[in-house]
Amino acid sequence: RTNELSRIRKINSLLLSSSRLQEYGQYDTPATIDYILNMTGHKSVISIGHSNGCGNVITMASIRPEYNDKVLLSIMWGQAVVLKHEVYKGFMDFSFSLFLVRQDGLILM
């Protein structure tokens, strides 16, 4: 049991290391988007991510802003990152009101 926990902790630390997250956001995610766009002929993609997948897209949007036009919509569940400096002040309010509770109090699931 102890060996299993230490193995899980080691994997988590590798996945969550900031240099890995930066590499995914700077190289891997843009390359994946370019591949999809080249194969399909579309001009934009819809991204669905969970946990570190959300961090990849957020990092890419920050480091490689030219890709922001290539992502039409990004759906993020259980983000492994926290936004400290939002560009659009109402982003978090909008996303929570869109997916959890609208301003009129109606719950959306």
Protein backbone atom coordinates (compact mmCIF):
# COMPACT_ATOMS: atom_id res chain seq x y z
CA ARG A 1 0.00 0.00 0.00
CA THR A 2 2.83 2.43 0.86
CA ASN A 3 4.62 1.68 -2.42
CA GLU A 4 1.42 2.28 -4.36
CA LEU A 5 0.84 5.65 -2.66
CA SER A 6 4.41 6.77 -3.29
CA ARG A 7 4.10 5.73 -6.94
CA ILE A 8 0.87 7.72 -7.30
CA ARG A 9 2.46 10.75 -5.63
CA LYS A 10 5.45 10.53 -7.97
CA ILE A 11 3.20 10.34 -11.05
CA ASN A 12 1.11 13.27 -9.80
CA SER A 13 4.20 15.40 -9.16
CA LEU A 14 5.45 14.70 -12.69
CA LEU A 15 2.09 15.54 -14.23
CA LEU A 16 1.61 18.70 -12.21
CA SER A 17 5.12 20.05 -12.53
CA SER A 18 5.01 23.53 -14.00
CA SER A 19 7.61 22.79 -16.67
CA ARG A 20 5.54 19.88 -18.00
CA LEU A 21 2.39 21.98 -18.00
CA GLN A 22 4.25 24.70 -19.89
CA GLU A 23 5.53 22.19 -22.46
CA TYR A 24 2.03 20.79 -23.01
CA GLY A 25 0.61 24.30 -23.41
CA GLN A 26 3.42 25.59 -25.59
CA TYR A 27 4.04 22.61 -27.88
CA ASP A 28 1.74 19.59 -27.54
CA THR A 29 -1.71 21.19 -27.40
CA PRO A 30 -1.05 23.63 -30.30
CA ALA A 31 0.39 20.78 -32.38
CA THR A 32 -2.71 18.68 -31.69
CA ILE A 33 -5.00 21.55 -32.65
CA ASP A 34 -3.04 22.20 -35.87
CA TYR A 35 -3.20 18.50 -36.75
CA ILE A 36 -6.97 18.37 -36.23
CA LEU A 37 -7.53 21.56 -38.23
CA ASN A 38 -5.31 20.34 -41.08
CA MET A 39 -7.06 16.96 -41.21
CA THR A 40 -10.62 18.32 -41.03
CA GLY A 41 -10.28 21.60 -42.89
CA HIS A 42 -12.14 23.42 -40.11
CA LYS A 43 -11.03 26.83 -38.84
CA SER A 44 -11.59 26.15 -35.12
CA VAL A 45 -12.05 23.34 -32.61
CA ILE A 46 -14.11 22.78 -29.48
CA SER A 47 -11.96 21.64 -26.57
CA ILE A 48 -13.29 19.45 -23.78
CA GLY A 49 -10.88 18.95 -20.90
CA HIS A 50 -10.70 17.57 -17.39
CA SER A 51 -8.09 18.29 -14.73
CA ASN A 52 -4.69 18.75 -16.39
CA GLY A 53 -6.30 18.93 -19.83
CA CYS A 54 -7.82 22.24 -18.75
CA GLY A 55 -4.42 23.47 -17.64
CA ASN A 56 -2.98 22.65 -21.06
CA VAL A 57 -5.55 24.85 -22.82
CA ILE A 58 -5.27 27.70 -20.30
CA THR A 59 -1.47 27.62 -20.56
CA MET A 60 -1.67 27.57 -24.35
CA ALA A 61 -4.06 30.54 -24.34
CA SER A 62 -1.57 32.46 -22.23
CA ILE A 63 1.71 31.48 -23.90
CA ARG A 64 0.44 31.17 -27.49
CA PRO A 65 -2.39 33.75 -27.82
CA GLU A 66 -2.53 33.24 -31.59
CA TYR A 67 -4.33 29.96 -30.83
CA ASN A 68 -7.21 31.70 -29.04
CA ASP A 69 -8.95 32.20 -32.40
CA LYS A 70 -8.55 28.49 -33.18
CA VAL A 71 -10.48 27.38 -30.06
CA LEU A 72 -14.15 28.22 -30.55
CA LEU A 73 -15.20 26.87 -27.14
CA SER A 74 -13.34 25.27 -24.26
CA ILE A 75 -15.36 23.18 -21.82
CA MET A 76 -13.39 22.61 -18.62
CA TRP A 77 -14.35 20.21 -15.85
CA GLY A 78 -12.37 19.97 -12.62
CA GLN A 79 -9.58 22.32 -13.59
CA ALA A 80 -6.20 21.53 -12.05
CA VAL A 81 -5.23 25.20 -12.35
CA VAL A 82 -6.58 28.40 -10.86
CA LEU A 83 -6.83 31.67 -12.77
CA LYS A 84 -5.18 34.46 -10.79
CA HIS A 85 -5.21 37.24 -13.37
CA GLU A 86 -8.24 37.05 -15.62
CA VAL A 87 -8.21 39.02 -18.86
CA TYR A 88 -12.00 39.15 -19.01
CA LYS A 89 -13.20 40.09 -15.52
CA GLY A 90 -16.57 38.36 -15.86
CA PHE A 91 -15.15 35.07 -17.19
CA MET A 92 -15.57 33.04 -14.02
CA ASP A 93 -18.96 34.60 -13.21
CA PHE A 94 -20.11 33.82 -16.75
CA SER A 95 -18.86 30.23 -16.71
CA PHE A 96 -20.38 29.45 -13.33
CA SER A 97 -23.69 31.07 -14.28
CA LEU A 98 -23.68 29.18 -17.57
CA PHE A 99 -22.98 25.73 -16.14
CA LEU A 100 -24.31 25.86 -12.58
CA VAL A 101 -26.76 28.63 -11.73
CA ARG A 102 -28.07 31.30 -14.05
CA GLN A 103 -28.51 34.83 -12.80
CA ASP A 104 -32.27 34.29 -12.48
CA GLY A 105 -31.60 31.36 -10.12
CA LEU A 106 -32.47 28.55 -12.55
CA ILE A 107 -30.13 25.59 -12.02
CA LEU A 108 -28.63 24.16 -15.21
CA MET A 109 -27.16 20.68 -15.15
